[in-house]
């Protein structure tokens, strides 16, 4: 069981580095990237909920959704301020 608690986060790190990060090695099409991010942030929100933090779970997922909506509206570009 201890191996699971070590390997599960390591697997998420590898998946995020490969597919999700801005400098990812594999560039997913927009729809697949959004789905991938939804799974990652949804899993994190579910973990928070399971840990007894439902408010923070909702805050995390809503923050991700708002960020994704803004990025999508601006074509994935960051805002230069």
Protein backbone atom coordinates (compact mmCIF):
# COMPACT_ATOMS: atom_id res chain seq x y z
CA UNK A 1 0.00 0.00 0.00
CA UNK A 2 2.90 2.33 0.72
CA UNK A 3 4.10 1.89 -2.85
CA UNK A 4 0.72 3.12 -4.11
CA UNK A 5 0.97 6.32 -2.04
CA UNK A 6 4.40 6.97 -3.54
CA UNK A 7 3.78 5.86 -7.12
CA UNK A 8 0.37 7.50 -7.62
CA UNK A 9 1.64 11.10 -7.25
CA UNK A 10 4.73 10.22 -9.28
CA UNK A 11 2.50 8.97 -12.10
CA UNK A 12 0.48 12.23 -12.04
CA UNK A 13 3.72 14.24 -12.17
CA UNK A 14 4.94 12.28 -15.21
CA UNK A 15 1.56 12.61 -16.96
CA UNK A 16 1.40 16.35 -16.30
CA UNK A 17 5.00 16.88 -17.48
CA UNK A 18 4.32 14.87 -20.63
CA UNK A 19 0.88 16.19 -21.61
CA UNK A 20 -0.27 19.09 -19.42
CA UNK A 21 2.48 21.55 -18.68
CA UNK A 22 3.07 24.59 -20.90
CA UNK A 23 6.37 23.02 -21.97
CA UNK A 24 4.92 19.52 -22.42
CA UNK A 25 6.77 17.10 -24.65
CA UNK A 26 3.53 16.01 -26.33
CA UNK A 27 1.24 18.78 -27.58
CA UNK A 28 -2.38 17.67 -27.34
CA UNK A 29 -5.11 19.17 -29.53
CA UNK A 30 -7.13 21.76 -27.60
CA UNK A 31 -10.15 19.56 -26.91
CA UNK A 32 -7.99 16.70 -25.63
CA UNK A 33 -5.88 19.06 -23.52
CA UNK A 34 -8.98 20.52 -21.89
CA UNK A 35 -10.29 17.01 -21.20
CA UNK A 36 -6.91 15.98 -19.76
CA UNK A 37 -6.81 19.05 -17.51
CA UNK A 38 -10.40 18.42 -16.41
CA UNK A 39 -9.44 14.89 -15.34
CA UNK A 40 -6.34 16.11 -13.47
CA UNK A 41 -8.05 18.98 -11.67
CA UNK A 42 -11.22 16.95 -11.17
CA UNK A 43 -9.20 14.21 -9.48
CA UNK A 44 -7.50 16.78 -7.27
CA UNK A 45 -10.88 18.28 -6.36
CA UNK A 46 -12.26 14.81 -5.62
CA UNK A 47 -9.28 14.11 -3.35
CA UNK A 48 -9.91 17.35 -1.47
CA UNK A 49 -13.58 16.45 -1.14
CA UNK A 50 -12.69 12.97 0.15
CA UNK A 51 -10.31 14.58 2.65
CA UNK A 52 -13.23 16.52 4.11
CA UNK A 53 -12.56 19.80 2.32
CA UNK A 54 -15.57 20.25 0.00
CA UNK A 55 -15.32 24.05 -0.13
CA UNK A 56 -11.68 23.93 -1.23
CA UNK A 57 -12.55 21.22 -3.75
CA UNK A 58 -15.13 23.50 -5.36
CA UNK A 59 -12.78 26.51 -5.20
CA UNK A 60 -10.01 24.55 -6.95
CA UNK A 61 -12.24 23.29 -9.75
CA UNK A 62 -13.97 26.65 -10.29
CA UNK A 63 -10.59 28.42 -10.39
CA UNK A 64 -9.34 25.95 -13.00
CA UNK A 65 -12.54 26.33 -15.07
CA UNK A 66 -12.33 30.14 -14.95
CA UNK A 67 -8.65 30.07 -15.92
CA UNK A 68 -9.35 27.67 -18.79
CA UNK A 69 -12.25 29.85 -20.00
CA UNK A 70 -10.04 32.96 -20.09
CA UNK A 71 -7.21 31.11 -21.84
CA UNK A 72 -9.64 29.70 -24.39
CA UNK A 73 -11.17 33.14 -25.00
CA UNK A 74 -7.70 34.58 -25.67
CA UNK A 75 -6.60 31.71 -27.88
CA UNK A 76 -4.36 30.14 -25.25
CA UNK A 77 -2.14 33.20 -25.03
CA UNK A 78 -1.23 34.77 -21.71
CA UNK A 79 -2.06 38.40 -21.09
CA UNK A 80 0.94 40.74 -21.18
CA UNK A 81 0.43 43.32 -18.46
